[in-house]
Amino acid sequence: MQDPTNIKLKSALLPKMLSDLTHSNQFLKFFSLTLLLLMFMLLGVVLVMTTKEPLVITLGPDGKSFERTVLPKQEDQVREAVKHYIEKRYQWEPKNVLKKLKTSESFILPNVLKAFQAAVSNVAKFSTEKVVSQKIYPEKILINLEKSTALITGDRVTTIQGMKAAGTLKLELTYENGPRTAENPWGLYISKEREE
């Protein structure tokens, strides 16, 4: 009989490698799921932040914040522009008639500017030669946004060489919207004037 010899059994490497691999796969799966949940949470936070209205704080030159206001009505803006135009175009004295009529040109469309200048040059010449001044007092300014017209009614006081004459004023202005400038911040341009 033969002597028993010790046989060393070698454990197979493949099952050990598979168990290590399975253990590391479990760790990777857990890590991947955790990252996936974190990604969905961050995506939800991003969606909430992008749909939220931004907080805008406007500061004035003095460092104080401006209060939020609502936009004025278009009718009010047109009325205010018409008041400024009337003040520049229809209220003058012999010493400032040229300056006033020149500043009123900022409310006139470029394609009708030459006709306007020709019409007011006669007014300026008459005012300086005959020492005429004019002042109007508008009572009502009716704005029709659909027709783009403004109807002004009121009183007109004309002074000719110291003699005053009062009369009624009925003026219809047809306007168009255009670019806003420093002289005309409303962007309102008079295309036609009609007095009765």
Protein backbone atom coordinates (compact mmCIF):
# COMPACT_ATOMS: atom_id res chain seq x y z
CA MET A 1 0.00 0.00 0.00
CA GLN A 2 1.02 3.36 -0.61
CA ASP A 3 1.55 5.96 1.93
CA PRO A 4 -1.06 8.55 2.00
CA THR A 5 0.29 11.79 0.80
CA ASN A 6 -1.17 15.06 1.62
CA ILE A 7 -2.90 16.48 -1.31
CA LYS A 8 -3.38 20.13 -1.23
CA LEU A 9 -6.55 21.21 -2.84
CA LYS A 10 -6.51 24.43 -4.57
CA SER A 11 -9.66 26.40 -4.44
CA ALA A 12 -10.80 27.50 -7.79
CA LEU A 13 -10.09 31.12 -8.51
CA LEU A 14 -13.16 31.66 -10.62
CA PRO A 15 -15.78 31.44 -7.81
CA LYS A 16 -13.75 33.80 -5.60
CA MET A 17 -13.41 36.28 -8.43
CA LEU A 18 -17.14 36.03 -9.13
CA SER A 19 -18.02 36.64 -5.50
CA ASP A 20 -15.71 39.68 -5.36
CA LEU A 21 -17.16 40.92 -8.58
CA THR A 22 -20.73 40.44 -7.34
CA HIS A 23 -19.89 42.29 -4.15
CA SER A 24 -18.35 45.20 -6.06
CA ASN A 25 -21.34 45.21 -8.49
CA GLN A 26 -23.70 45.58 -5.53
CA PHE A 27 -21.67 48.55 -4.34
CA LEU A 28 -21.69 50.09 -7.83
CA LYS A 29 -25.46 49.52 -8.19
CA PHE A 30 -26.12 51.18 -4.84
CA PHE A 31 -23.81 54.08 -5.73
CA SER A 32 -25.48 54.48 -9.18
CA LEU A 33 -28.99 54.51 -7.69
CA THR A 34 -27.95 57.08 -5.09
CA LEU A 35 -26.50 59.33 -7.80
CA LEU A 36 -29.62 58.87 -9.95
CA LEU A 37 -31.88 59.96 -7.08
CA LEU A 38 -29.63 62.92 -6.35
CA MET A 39 -29.70 63.90 -10.03
CA PHE A 40 -33.54 63.84 -10.09
CA MET A 41 -33.68 65.95 -6.94
CA LEU A 42 -31.30 68.51 -8.45
CA LEU A 43 -33.27 68.48 -11.71
CA GLY A 44 -36.42 69.27 -9.72
CA VAL A 45 -34.65 72.15 -7.94
CA VAL A 46 -33.42 73.52 -11.30
CA LEU A 47 -36.93 73.32 -12.79
CA VAL A 48 -38.43 75.13 -9.80
CA MET A 49 -35.75 77.84 -9.95
CA THR A 50 -36.13 78.41 -13.71
CA THR A 51 -39.91 78.73 -13.58
CA LYS A 52 -39.81 81.16 -10.67
CA GLU A 53 -39.96 84.88 -11.49
CA PRO A 54 -36.55 86.50 -10.97
CA LEU A 55 -36.06 89.03 -8.22
CA VAL A 56 -34.92 92.29 -9.80
CA ILE A 57 -34.01 95.22 -7.63
CA THR A 58 -33.60 98.48 -9.52
CA LEU A 59 -31.57 101.16 -7.89
CA GLY A 60 -31.61 104.87 -8.55
CA PRO A 61 -28.55 107.11 -8.72
CA ASP A 62 -28.84 107.70 -4.98
CA GLY A 63 -28.74 103.96 -4.19
CA LYS A 64 -32.37 103.68 -3.12
CA SER A 65 -34.55 101.05 -4.71
CA PHE A 66 -37.35 102.07 -7.05
CA GLU A 67 -40.88 100.95 -6.29
CA ARG A 68 -42.68 98.78 -8.81
CA THR A 69 -45.37 100.68 -10.71
CA VAL A 70 -47.88 99.76 -13.35
CA LEU A 71 -47.52 101.07 -16.88
CA PRO A 72 -49.62 104.13 -17.66
CA LYS A 73 -52.55 103.77 -20.04
CA GLN A 74 -51.85 104.54 -23.66
CA GLU A 75 -54.55 107.21 -23.60
CA ASP A 76 -52.80 109.00 -20.73
CA GLN A 77 -49.47 108.91 -22.56
CA VAL A 78 -51.05 110.36 -25.71
CA ARG A 79 -52.80 113.07 -23.66
CA GLU A 80 -49.52 114.05 -21.99
CA ALA A 81 -47.70 114.19 -25.36
CA VAL A 82 -50.49 116.33 -26.85
CA LYS A 83 -50.26 118.74 -23.89
CA HIS A 84 -46.53 119.18 -24.47
CA TYR A 85 -47.05 119.67 -28.20
CA ILE A 86 -49.75 122.30 -27.60
CA GLU A 87 -47.52 124.12 -25.13
CA LYS A 88 -44.67 124.28 -27.63
CA ARG A 89 -46.72 124.94 -30.79
CA TYR A 90 -49.54 127.22 -29.64
CA GLN A 91 -48.18 129.21 -26.69
CA TRP A 92 -45.62 131.81 -27.71
CA GLU A 93 -44.63 135.45 -27.59
CA PRO A 94 -42.75 137.52 -30.18
CA LYS A 95 -39.41 137.07 -28.39
CA ASN A 96 -39.61 133.26 -28.16
CA VAL A 97 -41.85 132.30 -31.10
CA LEU A 98 -38.98 130.99 -33.23
CA LYS A 99 -37.56 128.92 -30.39
CA LYS A 100 -40.97 127.47 -29.41
CA LEU A 101 -41.91 126.57 -32.98
CA LYS A 102 -38.47 125.02 -33.54
CA THR A 103 -38.84 122.81 -30.45
CA SER A 104 -42.31 121.72 -31.61
CA GLU A 105 -40.67 120.18 -34.70
CA SER A 106 -39.65 117.20 -32.55
CA PHE A 107 -43.34 116.16 -32.67
CA ILE A 108 -43.60 116.30 -36.47
CA LEU A 109 -42.97 113.39 -38.84
CA PRO A 110 -39.96 113.87 -41.13
CA ASN A 111 -42.05 113.46 -44.31
CA VAL A 112 -44.29 116.44 -43.40
CA LEU A 113 -41.61 118.55 -41.71
CA LYS A 114 -41.07 120.87 -44.70
CA ALA A 115 -44.78 121.65 -44.97
CA PHE A 116 -44.89 122.29 -41.22
CA GLN A 117 -41.87 124.61 -41.38
CA ALA A 118 -43.44 126.55 -44.25
CA ALA A 119 -46.69 126.96 -42.31
CA VAL A 120 -45.08 128.08 -39.04
CA SER A 121 -42.61 130.43 -40.74
CA ASN A 122 -45.58 132.66 -41.63
CA VAL A 123 -46.77 132.51 -38.01
CA ALA A 124 -43.31 133.44 -36.71
CA LYS A 125 -42.96 136.28 -39.20
CA PHE A 126 -46.42 137.66 -38.35
CA SER A 127 -45.75 137.36 -34.60
CA THR A 128 -42.46 139.25 -34.68
CA GLU A 129 -43.61 141.95 -37.13
CA LYS A 130 -46.98 142.69 -35.51
CA VAL A 131 -45.95 141.92 -31.88
CA VAL A 132 -48.45 139.09 -31.49
CA SER A 133 -48.51 136.56 -28.67
CA GLN A 134 -50.80 133.62 -28.18
CA LYS A 135 -51.81 131.48 -25.24
CA ILE A 136 -54.33 128.68 -25.22
CA TYR A 137 -56.18 127.10 -22.33
CA PRO A 138 -57.34 123.60 -23.22
CA GLU A 139 -60.43 122.44 -21.32
CA LYS A 140 -60.88 118.98 -22.80
CA ILE A 141 -58.53 116.70 -24.65
CA LEU A 142 -60.46 113.77 -26.11
CA ILE A 143 -58.31 110.91 -27.38
CA ASN A 144 -59.58 108.40 -29.95
CA LEU A 145 -57.08 105.55 -30.04
CA GLU A 146 -58.80 103.75 -32.93
CA LYS A 147 -58.68 106.75 -35.27
CA SER A 148 -55.39 108.08 -33.81
CA THR A 149 -56.84 111.52 -33.24
CA ALA A 150 -56.94 114.02 -30.40
CA LEU A 151 -59.69 116.64 -30.19
CA ILE A 152 -58.75 119.68 -28.11
CA THR A 153 -61.36 122.23 -27.06
CA GLY A 154 -60.78 125.31 -24.95
CA ASP A 155 -60.04 129.01 -25.13
CA ARG A 156 -57.43 130.97 -27.07
CA VAL A 157 -56.17 134.39 -26.00
CA THR A 158 -54.33 136.35 -28.66
CA THR A 159 -52.56 139.62 -27.87
CA ILE A 160 -51.88 141.93 -30.82
CA GLN A 161 -49.79 144.99 -29.89
CA GLY A 162 -51.19 144.95 -26.35
CA MET A 163 -54.84 144.40 -27.38
CA LYS A 164 -56.25 141.08 -26.18
CA ALA A 165 -58.78 139.01 -28.04
CA ALA A 166 -60.29 135.81 -26.71
CA GLY A 167 -61.83 133.09 -28.82
CA THR A 168 -62.77 129.46 -28.70
CA LEU A 169 -60.36 126.76 -29.74
CA LYS A 170 -61.34 123.56 -31.49
CA LEU A 171 -58.33 121.69 -32.76
CA GLU A 172 -58.09 118.17 -34.11
CA LEU A 173 -54.68 116.50 -34.26
CA THR A 174 -54.00 113.28 -36.15
CA TYR A 175 -51.00 111.43 -34.79
CA GLU A 176 -48.83 108.41 -35.48
CA ASN A 177 -46.50 106.47 -33.26
CA GLY A 178 -42.80 106.46 -34.00
CA PRO A 179 -39.40 106.23 -32.38
CA ARG A 180 -38.93 107.71 -28.92
CA THR A 181 -36.29 110.41 -28.58
CA ALA A 182 -35.01 112.65 -25.82
CA GLU A 183 -37.10 115.55 -27.16
CA ASN A 184 -40.15 113.32 -27.77
CA PRO A 185 -40.09 110.51 -25.16
CA TRP A 186 -43.69 109.49 -25.99
CA GLY A 187 -42.90 108.64 -29.61
CA LEU A 188 -46.01 110.53 -30.75
CA TYR A 189 -45.80 112.40 -34.05
CA ILE A 190 -48.40 114.80 -35.39
CA SER A 191 -49.20 114.12 -39.03
CA LYS A 192 -52.16 116.50 -39.50
CA GLU A 193 -53.67 119.53 -37.76
CA ARG A 194 -57.17 120.82 -38.36
CA GLU A 195 -58.60 123.93 -36.68
CA GLU A 196 -62.22 124.98 -36.75
